[in-house]
Amino acid sequence: MSLTSIRLNNEVEIPLENLSKKLDRSKNYLINQAIREFIARKEMEETLWSDTLEALDSIKSGKAVSGQEVESWLQSWGGPNEKAPPKP
């Protein structure tokens, strides 16, 4: 484990201190938890952005399925004539 020093503004320090007491957890624990959640959220955003760019490239290259085809497929779900997923 490494040691990192940070300076907290009062607008962060005071609520952090109060939350630490309320939850009976150390400020260190809460800060680490917040950083883990922030990193996970940023990684998810990067994944979503990458997926979006990939989807846009796919559309530009003509690999798309119309909304009507998707709707028809969804409407068939659970019925006796359920359709296979549409393919571009």
PDB file of N, CA and C in Angstrom:
ATOM      1  N   MET A   1       0.850  -1.163   0.000  1.00  0.00           N
ATOM      2  CA  MET A   1       0.000   0.000   0.000  1.00  0.00           C
ATOM      3  C   MET A   1       0.901   1.233   0.000  1.00  0.00           C
ATOM      4  N   SER A   2       0.496   2.248  -0.771  1.00  0.00           N
ATOM      5  CA  SER A   2       1.300   3.463  -0.819  1.00  0.00           C
ATOM      6  C   SER A   2       0.621   4.573  -0.031  1.00  0.00           C
ATOM      7  N   LEU A   3       1.376   5.595   0.233  1.00  0.00           N
ATOM      8  CA  LEU A   3       0.878   6.742   0.984  1.00  0.00           C
ATOM      9  C   LEU A   3       0.810   7.936   0.058  1.00  0.00           C
ATOM     10  N   THR A   4      -0.360   8.569   0.007  1.00  0.00           N
ATOM     11  CA  THR A   4      -0.555   9.776  -0.797  1.00  0.00           C
ATOM     12  C   THR A   4      -1.152  10.840   0.100  1.00  0.00           C
ATOM     13  N   SER A   5      -0.613  12.014   0.013  1.00  0.00           N
ATOM     14  CA  SER A   5      -1.109  13.112   0.831  1.00  0.00           C
ATOM     15  C   SER A   5      -1.995  14.013  -0.017  1.00  0.00           C
ATOM     16  N   ILE A   6      -3.132  14.431   0.545  1.00  0.00           N
ATOM     17  CA  ILE A   6      -4.012  15.355  -0.161  1.00  0.00           C
ATOM     18  C   ILE A   6      -4.445  16.468   0.790  1.00  0.00           C
ATOM     19  N   ARG A   7      -4.802  17.586   0.207  1.00  0.00           N
ATOM     20  CA  ARG A   7      -5.353  18.692   0.983  1.00  0.00           C
ATOM     21  C   ARG A   7      -6.840  18.772   0.665  1.00  0.00           C
ATOM     22  N   LEU A   8      -7.659  18.808   1.691  1.00  0.00           N
ATOM     23  CA  LEU A   8      -9.092  18.900   1.501  1.00  0.00           C
ATOM     24  C   LEU A   8      -9.595  20.280   1.889  1.00  0.00           C
ATOM     25  N   ASN A   9     -10.439  20.844   1.048  1.00  0.00           N
ATOM     26  CA  ASN A   9     -11.098  22.094   1.397  1.00  0.00           C
ATOM     27  C   ASN A   9     -12.084  21.813   2.524  1.00  0.00           C
ATOM     28  N   ASN A  10     -12.419  22.849   3.286  1.00  0.00           N
ATOM     29  CA  ASN A  10     -13.381  22.685   4.373  1.00  0.00           C
ATOM     30  C   ASN A  10     -14.719  22.170   3.872  1.00  0.00           C
ATOM     31  N   GLU A  11     -15.085  22.548   2.650  1.00  0.00           N
ATOM     32  CA  GLU A  11     -16.367  22.105   2.104  1.00  0.00           C
ATOM     33  C   GLU A  11     -16.391  20.600   1.859  1.00  0.00           C
ATOM     34  N   VAL A  12     -15.226  19.971   1.819  1.00  0.00           N
ATOM     35  CA  VAL A  12     -15.127  18.517   1.695  1.00  0.00           C
ATOM     36  C   VAL A  12     -14.777  17.900   3.049  1.00  0.00           C
ATOM     37  N   GLU A  13     -13.854  18.504   3.749  1.00  0.00           N
ATOM     38  CA  GLU A  13     -13.344  17.956   5.011  1.00  0.00           C
ATOM     39  C   GLU A  13     -14.437  17.831   6.069  1.00  0.00           C
ATOM     40  N   ILE A  14     -15.232  18.863   6.240  1.00  0.00           N
ATOM     41  CA  ILE A  14     -16.248  18.842   7.304  1.00  0.00           C
ATOM     42  C   ILE A  14     -17.311  17.766   7.052  1.00  0.00           C
ATOM     43  N   PRO A  15     -17.916  17.702   5.838  1.00  0.00           N
ATOM     44  CA  PRO A  15     -18.873  16.619   5.611  1.00  0.00           C
ATOM     45  C   PRO A  15     -18.223  15.240   5.679  1.00  0.00           C
ATOM     46  N   LEU A  16     -16.977  15.125   5.240  1.00  0.00           N
ATOM     47  CA  LEU A  16     -16.265  13.848   5.315  1.00  0.00           C
ATOM     48  C   LEU A  16     -16.095  13.423   6.768  1.00  0.00           C
ATOM     49  N   GLU A  17     -15.712  14.352   7.596  1.00  0.00           N
ATOM     50  CA  GLU A  17     -15.542  14.075   9.028  1.00  0.00           C
ATOM     51  C   GLU A  17     -16.872  13.640   9.645  1.00  0.00           C
ATOM     52  N   ASN A  18     -17.934  14.340   9.313  1.00  0.00           N
ATOM     53  CA  ASN A  18     -19.261  14.002   9.848  1.00  0.00           C
ATOM     54  C   ASN A  18     -19.699  12.619   9.377  1.00  0.00           C
ATOM     55  N   LEU A  19     -19.488  12.330   8.105  1.00  0.00           N
ATOM     56  CA  LEU A  19     -19.866  11.029   7.553  1.00  0.00           C
ATOM     57  C   LEU A  19     -19.040   9.914   8.184  1.00  0.00           C
ATOM     58  N   SER A  20     -17.784  10.183   8.408  1.00  0.00           N
ATOM     59  CA  SER A  20     -16.894   9.217   9.037  1.00  0.00           C
ATOM     60  C   SER A  20     -17.414   8.827  10.416  1.00  0.00           C
ATOM     61  N   LYS A  21     -17.829   9.811  11.177  1.00  0.00           N
ATOM     62  CA  LYS A  21     -18.365   9.543  12.516  1.00  0.00           C
ATOM     63  C   LYS A  21     -19.704   8.816  12.437  1.00  0.00           C
ATOM     64  N   LYS A  22     -20.550   9.271  11.533  1.00  0.00           N
ATOM     65  CA  LYS A  22     -21.881   8.679  11.399  1.00  0.00           C
ATOM     66  C   LYS A  22     -21.806   7.200  11.011  1.00  0.00           C
ATOM     67  N   LEU A  23     -20.913   6.874  10.066  1.00  0.00           N
ATOM     68  CA  LEU A  23     -20.787   5.503   9.578  1.00  0.00           C
ATOM     69  C   LEU A  23     -19.810   4.659  10.395  1.00  0.00           C
ATOM     70  N   ASP A  24     -19.146   5.301  11.332  1.00  0.00           N
ATOM     71  CA  ASP A  24     -18.123   4.641  12.136  1.00  0.00           C
ATOM     72  C   ASP A  24     -17.062   3.995  11.240  1.00  0.00           C
ATOM     73  N   ARG A  25     -16.635   4.772  10.260  1.00  0.00           N
ATOM     74  CA  ARG A  25     -15.582   4.370   9.329  1.00  0.00           C
ATOM     75  C   ARG A  25     -14.521   5.460   9.311  1.00  0.00           C
ATOM     76  N   SER A  26     -13.309   5.094   9.011  1.00  0.00           N
ATOM     77  CA  SER A  26     -12.244   6.095   8.944  1.00  0.00           C
ATOM     78  C   SER A  26     -12.398   6.944   7.683  1.00  0.00           C
ATOM     79  N   LYS A  27     -11.846   8.141   7.755  1.00  0.00           N
ATOM     80  CA  LYS A  27     -11.845   9.002   6.561  1.00  0.00           C
ATOM     81  C   LYS A  27     -11.056   8.324   5.451  1.00  0.00           C
ATOM     82  N   ASN A  28      -9.989   7.637   5.810  1.00  0.00           N
ATOM     83  CA  ASN A  28      -9.192   6.912   4.828  1.00  0.00           C
ATOM     84  C   ASN A  28     -10.059   5.901   4.079  1.00  0.00           C
ATOM     85  N   TYR A  29     -10.881   5.143   4.801  1.00  0.00           N
ATOM     86  CA  TYR A  29     -11.758   4.160   4.175  1.00  0.00           C
ATOM     87  C   TYR A  29     -12.716   4.841   3.198  1.00  0.00           C
ATOM     88  N   LEU A  30     -13.349   5.925   3.644  1.00  0.00           N
ATOM     89  CA  LEU A  30     -14.317   6.623   2.802  1.00  0.00           C
ATOM     90  C   LEU A  30     -13.670   7.218   1.559  1.00  0.00           C
ATOM     91  N   ILE A  31     -12.489   7.776   1.714  1.00  0.00           N
ATOM     92  CA  ILE A  31     -11.780   8.362   0.570  1.00  0.00           C
ATOM     93  C   ILE A  31     -11.408   7.261  -0.428  1.00  0.00           C
ATOM     94  N   ASN A  32     -10.897   6.142   0.072  1.00  0.00           N
ATOM     95  CA  ASN A  32     -10.552   5.032  -0.825  1.00  0.00           C
ATOM     96  C   ASN A  32     -11.778   4.507  -1.555  1.00  0.00           C
ATOM     97  N   GLN A  33     -12.896   4.386  -0.845  1.00  0.00           N
ATOM     98  CA  GLN A  33     -14.130   3.916  -1.461  1.00  0.00           C
ATOM     99  C   GLN A  33     -14.590   4.888  -2.560  1.00  0.00           C
ATOM    100  N   ALA A  34     -14.533   6.176  -2.269  1.00  0.00           N
ATOM    101  CA  ALA A  34     -14.947   7.189  -3.247  1.00  0.00           C
ATOM    102  C   ALA A  34     -14.055   7.146  -4.489  1.00  0.00           C
ATOM    103  N   ILE A  35     -12.771   6.965  -4.287  1.00  0.00           N
ATOM    104  CA  ILE A  35     -11.843   6.904  -5.420  1.00  0.00           C
ATOM    105  C   ILE A  35     -12.087   5.642  -6.245  1.00  0.00           C
ATOM    106  N   ARG A  36     -12.319   4.512  -5.583  1.00  0.00           N
ATOM    107  CA  ARG A  36     -12.631   3.272  -6.312  1.00  0.00           C
ATOM    108  C   ARG A  36     -13.879   3.450  -7.173  1.00  0.00           C
ATOM    109  N   GLU A  37     -14.917   4.046  -6.596  1.00  0.00           N
ATOM    110  CA  GLU A  37     -16.161   4.260  -7.347  1.00  0.00           C
ATOM    111  C   GLU A  37     -15.952   5.232  -8.505  1.00  0.00           C
ATOM    112  N   PHE A  38     -15.160   6.269  -8.296  1.00  0.00           N
ATOM    113  CA  PHE A  38     -14.868   7.238  -9.349  1.00  0.00           C
ATOM    114  C   PHE A  38     -14.136   6.557 -10.510  1.00  0.00           C
ATOM    115  N   ILE A  39     -13.132   5.749 -10.186  1.00  0.00           N
ATOM    116  CA  ILE A  39     -12.363   5.049 -11.216  1.00  0.00           C
ATOM    117  C   ILE A  39     -13.259   4.082 -11.980  1.00  0.00           C
ATOM    118  N   ALA A  40     -14.092   3.338 -11.275  1.00  0.00           N
ATOM    119  CA  ALA A  40     -15.007   2.392 -11.937  1.00  0.00           C
ATOM    120  C   ALA A  40     -15.965   3.130 -12.862  1.00  0.00           C
ATOM    121  N   ARG A  41     -16.472   4.283 -12.416  1.00  0.00           N
ATOM    122  CA  ARG A  41     -17.385   5.070 -13.249  1.00  0.00           C
ATOM    123  C   ARG A  41     -16.673   5.585 -14.498  1.00  0.00           C
ATOM    124  N   LYS A  42     -15.453   6.058 -14.350  1.00  0.00           N
ATOM    125  CA  LYS A  42     -14.690   6.554 -15.505  1.00  0.00           C
ATOM    126  C   LYS A  42     -14.372   5.424 -16.475  1.00  0.00           C
ATOM    127  N   GLU A  43     -14.043   4.252 -15.970  1.00  0.00           N
ATOM    128  CA  GLU A  43     -13.780   3.106 -16.843  1.00  0.00           C
ATOM    129  C   GLU A  43     -15.036   2.726 -17.618  1.00  0.00           C
ATOM    130  N   MET A  44     -16.190   2.784 -16.956  1.00  0.00           N
ATOM    131  CA  MET A  44     -17.459   2.481 -17.617  1.00  0.00           C
ATOM    132  C   MET A  44     -17.747   3.519 -18.701  1.00  0.00           C
ATOM    133  N   GLU A  45     -17.493   4.784 -18.405  1.00  0.00           N
ATOM    134  CA  GLU A  45     -17.701   5.835 -19.399  1.00  0.00           C
ATOM    135  C   GLU A  45     -16.805   5.616 -20.620  1.00  0.00           C
ATOM    136  N   GLU A  46     -15.549   5.226 -20.386  1.00  0.00           N
ATOM    137  CA  GLU A  46     -14.629   4.964 -21.491  1.00  0.00           C
ATOM    138  C   GLU A  46     -15.124   3.792 -22.342  1.00  0.00           C
ATOM    139  N   THR A  47     -15.617   2.745 -21.674  1.00  0.00           N
ATOM    140  CA  THR A  47     -16.147   1.586 -22.396  1.00  0.00           C
ATOM    141  C   THR A  47     -17.353   1.985 -23.230  1.00  0.00           C
ATOM    142  N   LEU A  48     -18.260   2.750 -22.636  1.00  0.00           N
ATOM    143  CA  LEU A  48     -19.451   3.185 -23.367  1.00  0.00           C
ATOM    144  C   LEU A  48     -19.072   4.058 -24.561  1.00  0.00           C
ATOM    145  N   TRP A  49     -18.101   4.941 -24.381  1.00  0.00           N
ATOM    146  CA  TRP A  49     -17.659   5.807 -25.478  1.00  0.00           C
ATOM    147  C   TRP A  49     -17.043   4.969 -26.593  1.00  0.00           C
ATOM    148  N   SER A  50     -16.228   3.999 -26.224  1.00  0.00           N
ATOM    149  CA  SER A  50     -15.610   3.120 -27.210  1.00  0.00           C
ATOM    150  C   SER A  50     -16.680   2.330 -27.970  1.00  0.00           C
ATOM    151  N   ASP A  51     -17.674   1.815 -27.245  1.00  0.00           N
ATOM    152  CA  ASP A  51     -18.774   1.091 -27.880  1.00  0.00           C
ATOM    153  C   ASP A  51     -19.557   1.999 -28.824  1.00  0.00           C
ATOM    154  N   THR A  52     -19.744   3.259 -28.428  1.00  0.00           N
ATOM    155  CA  THR A  52     -20.459   4.219 -29.270  1.00  0.00           C
ATOM    156  C   THR A  52     -19.700   4.477 -30.562  1.00  0.00           C
ATOM    157  N   LEU A  53     -18.392   4.677 -30.452  1.00  0.00           N
ATOM    158  CA  LEU A  53     -17.579   4.914 -31.647  1.00  0.00           C
ATOM    159  C   LEU A  53     -17.601   3.695 -32.569  1.00  0.00           C
ATOM    160  N   GLU A  54     -17.544   2.512 -31.982  1.00  0.00           N
ATOM    161  CA  GLU A  54     -17.602   1.285 -32.770  1.00  0.00           C
ATOM    162  C   GLU A  54     -18.944   1.172 -33.489  1.00  0.00           C
ATOM    163  N   ALA A  55     -20.027   1.504 -32.792  1.00  0.00           N
ATOM    164  CA  ALA A  55     -21.358   1.448 -33.400  1.00  0.00           C
ATOM    165  C   ALA A  55     -21.483   2.461 -34.535  1.00  0.00           C
ATOM    166  N   LEU A  56     -20.933   3.653 -34.335  1.00  0.00           N
ATOM    167  CA  LEU A  56     -20.980   4.673 -35.391  1.00  0.00           C
ATOM    168  C   LEU A  56     -20.196   4.219 -36.622  1.00  0.00           C
ATOM    169  N   ASP A  57     -19.046   3.618 -36.406  1.00  0.00           N
ATOM    170  CA  ASP A  57     -18.259   3.084 -37.525  1.00  0.00           C
ATOM    171  C   ASP A  57     -19.038   1.997 -38.260  1.00  0.00           C
ATOM    172  N   SER A  58     -19.726   1.168 -37.496  1.00  0.00           N
ATOM    173  CA  SER A  58     -20.522   0.101 -38.089  1.00  0.00           C
ATOM    174  C   SER A  58     -21.635   0.679 -38.963  1.00  0.00           C
ATOM    175  N   ILE A  59     -22.289   1.708 -38.479  1.00  0.00           N
ATOM    176  CA  ILE A  59     -23.360   2.347 -39.249  1.00  0.00           C
ATOM    177  C   ILE A  59     -22.798   2.998 -40.511  1.00  0.00           C
ATOM    178  N   LYS A  60     -21.666   3.671 -40.366  1.00  0.00           N
ATOM    179  CA  LYS A  60     -21.048   4.321 -41.526  1.00  0.00           C
ATOM    180  C   LYS A  60     -20.673   3.314 -42.603  1.00  0.00           C
ATOM    181  N   SER A  61     -20.329   2.102 -42.193  1.00  0.00           N
ATOM    182  CA  SER A  61     -19.936   1.089 -43.169  1.00  0.00           C
ATOM    183  C   SER A  61     -21.140   0.292 -43.680  1.00  0.00           C
ATOM    184  N   GLY A  62     -22.336   0.714 -43.298  1.00  0.00           N
ATOM    185  CA  GLY A  62     -23.545   0.088 -43.814  1.00  0.00           C
ATOM    186  C   GLY A  62     -24.032  -1.124 -43.046  1.00  0.00           C
ATOM    187  N   LYS A  63     -23.433  -1.391 -41.932  1.00  0.00           N
ATOM    188  CA  LYS A  63     -23.855  -2.539 -41.119  1.00  0.00           C
ATOM    189  C   LYS A  63     -24.874  -2.059 -40.086  1.00  0.00           C
ATOM    190  N   ALA A  64     -26.135  -2.006 -40.504  1.00  0.00           N
ATOM    191  CA  ALA A  64     -27.184  -1.528 -39.604  1.00  0.00           C
ATOM    192  C   ALA A  64     -28.456  -2.337 -39.819  1.00  0.00           C
ATOM    193  N   VAL A  65     -29.288  -2.349 -38.821  1.00  0.00           N
ATOM    194  CA  VAL A  65     -30.586  -3.008 -38.885  1.00  0.00           C
ATOM    195  C   VAL A  65     -31.625  -1.919 -38.671  1.00  0.00           C
ATOM    196  N   SER A  66     -32.671  -1.935 -39.465  1.00  0.00           N
ATOM    197  CA  SER A  66     -33.696  -0.894 -39.344  1.00  0.00           C
ATOM    198  C   SER A  66     -34.496  -1.071 -38.062  1.00  0.00           C
ATOM    199  N   GLY A  67     -35.035   0.012 -37.594  1.00  0.00           N
ATOM    200  CA  GLY A  67     -35.883  -0.028 -36.410  1.00  0.00           C
ATOM    201  C   GLY A  67     -37.098  -0.903 -36.629  1.00  0.00           C
ATOM    202  N   GLN A  68     -37.603  -0.903 -37.840  1.00  0.00           N
ATOM    203  CA  GLN A  68     -38.770  -1.724 -38.167  1.00  0.00           C
ATOM    204  C   GLN A  68     -38.447  -3.220 -38.030  1.00  0.00           C
ATOM    205  N   GLU A  69     -37.255  -3.602 -38.484  1.00  0.00           N
ATOM    206  CA  GLU A  69     -36.846  -5.012 -38.348  1.00  0.00           C
ATOM    207  C   GLU A  69     -36.716  -5.400 -36.875  1.00  0.00           C
ATOM    208  N   VAL A  70     -36.138  -4.518 -36.092  1.00  0.00           N
ATOM    209  CA  VAL A  70     -35.966  -4.785 -34.661  1.00  0.00           C
ATOM    210  C   VAL A  70     -37.334  -4.886 -33.989  1.00  0.00           C
ATOM    211  N   GLU A  71     -38.212  -3.944 -34.288  1.00  0.00           N
ATOM    212  CA  GLU A  71     -39.555  -3.945 -33.701  1.00  0.00           C
ATOM    213  C   GLU A  71     -40.306  -5.234 -34.045  1.00  0.00           C
ATOM    214  N   SER A  72     -40.226  -5.655 -35.286  1.00  0.00           N
ATOM    215  CA  SER A  72     -40.886  -6.891 -35.718  1.00  0.00           C
ATOM    216  C   SER A  72     -40.329  -8.086 -34.952  1.00  0.00           C
ATOM    217  N   TRP A  73     -39.024  -8.116 -34.778  1.00  0.00           N
ATOM    218  CA  TRP A  73     -38.378  -9.199 -34.037  1.00  0.00           C
ATOM    219  C   TRP A  73     -38.838  -9.199 -32.579  1.00  0.00           C
ATOM    220  N   LEU A  74     -38.847  -8.009 -31.948  1.00  0.00           N
ATOM    221  CA  LEU A  74     -39.257  -7.917 -30.543  1.00  0.00           C
ATOM    222  C   LEU A  74     -40.712  -8.335 -30.358  1.00  0.00           C
ATOM    223  N   GLN A  75     -41.556  -7.956 -31.285  1.00  0.00           N
ATOM    224  CA  GLN A  75     -42.975  -8.306 -31.191  1.00  0.00           C
ATOM    225  C   GLN A  75     -43.198  -9.817 -31.289  1.00  0.00           C
ATOM    226  N   SER A  76     -42.249 -10.522 -31.908  1.00  0.00           N
ATOM    227  CA  SER A  76     -42.409 -11.971 -32.072  1.00  0.00           C
ATOM    228  C   SER A  76     -41.978 -12.753 -30.836  1.00  0.00           C
ATOM    229  N   TRP A  77     -41.319 -12.086 -29.891  1.00  0.00           N
ATOM    230  CA  TRP A  77     -40.811 -12.781 -28.710  1.00  0.00           C
ATOM    231  C   TRP A  77     -41.928 -13.487 -27.960  1.00  0.00           C
ATOM    232  N   GLY A  78     -41.675 -14.723 -27.583  1.00  0.00           N
ATOM    233  CA  GLY A  78     -42.603 -15.476 -26.752  1.00  0.00           C
ATOM    234  C   GLY A  78     -43.757 -16.088 -27.513  1.00  0.00           C
ATOM    235  N   GLY A  79     -43.862 -15.787 -28.795  1.00  0.00           N
ATOM    236  CA  GLY A  79     -44.941 -16.338 -29.598  1.00  0.00           C
ATOM    237  C   GLY A  79     -44.520 -17.629 -30.281  1.00  0.00           C
ATOM    238  N   PRO A  80     -45.470 -18.298 -30.882  1.00  0.00           N
ATOM    239  CA  PRO A  80     -45.144 -19.560 -31.544  1.00  0.00           C
ATOM    240  C   PRO A  80     -44.259 -19.369 -32.779  1.00  0.00           C
ATOM    241  N   ASN A  81     -44.283 -18.195 -33.371  1.00  0.00           N
ATOM    242  CA  ASN A  81     -43.478 -17.907 -34.570  1.00  0.00           C
ATOM    243  C   ASN A  81     -42.356 -16.916 -34.259  1.00  0.00           C
ATOM    244  N   GLU A  82     -41.681 -17.140 -33.128  1.00  0.00           N
ATOM    245  CA  GLU A  82     -40.608 -16.221 -32.729  1.00  0.00           C
ATOM    246  C   GLU A  82     -39.531 -16.182 -33.792  1.00  0.00           C
ATOM    247  N   LYS A  83     -39.157 -14.966 -34.164  1.00  0.00           N
ATOM    248  CA  LYS A  83     -38.167 -14.766 -35.242  1.00  0.00           C
ATOM    249  C   LYS A  83     -36.746 -14.766 -34.674  1.00  0.00           C
ATOM    250  N   ALA A  84     -35.813 -15.066 -35.542  1.00  0.00           N
ATOM    251  CA  ALA A  84     -34.399 -14.953 -35.204  1.00  0.00           C
ATOM    252  C   ALA A  84     -34.021 -13.468 -35.186  1.00  0.00           C
ATOM    253  N   PRO A  85     -33.005 -13.097 -34.418  1.00  0.00           N
ATOM    254  CA  PRO A  85     -32.599 -11.686 -34.408  1.00  0.00           C
ATOM    255  C   PRO A  85     -32.219 -11.224 -35.810  1.00  0.00           C
ATOM    256  N   PRO A  86     -32.572  -9.989 -36.140  1.00  0.00           N
ATOM    257  CA  PRO A  86     -32.203  -9.468 -37.464  1.00  0.00           C
ATOM    258  C   PRO A  86     -30.693  -9.294 -37.576  1.00  0.00           C
ATOM    259  N   LYS A  87     -30.190  -9.452 -38.787  1.00  0.00           N
ATOM    260  CA  LYS A  87     -28.746  -9.307 -39.029  1.00  0.00           C
ATOM    261  C   LYS A  87     -28.534  -8.203 -40.049  1.00  0.00           C
ATOM    262  N   PRO A  88     -27.450  -7.456 -39.856  1.00  0.00           N
ATOM    263  CA  PRO A  88     -27.155  -6.382 -40.847  1.00  0.00           C
ATOM    264  C   PRO A  88     -26.719  -6.939 -42.178  1.00  0.00           C
TER     265      PRO A  88
END
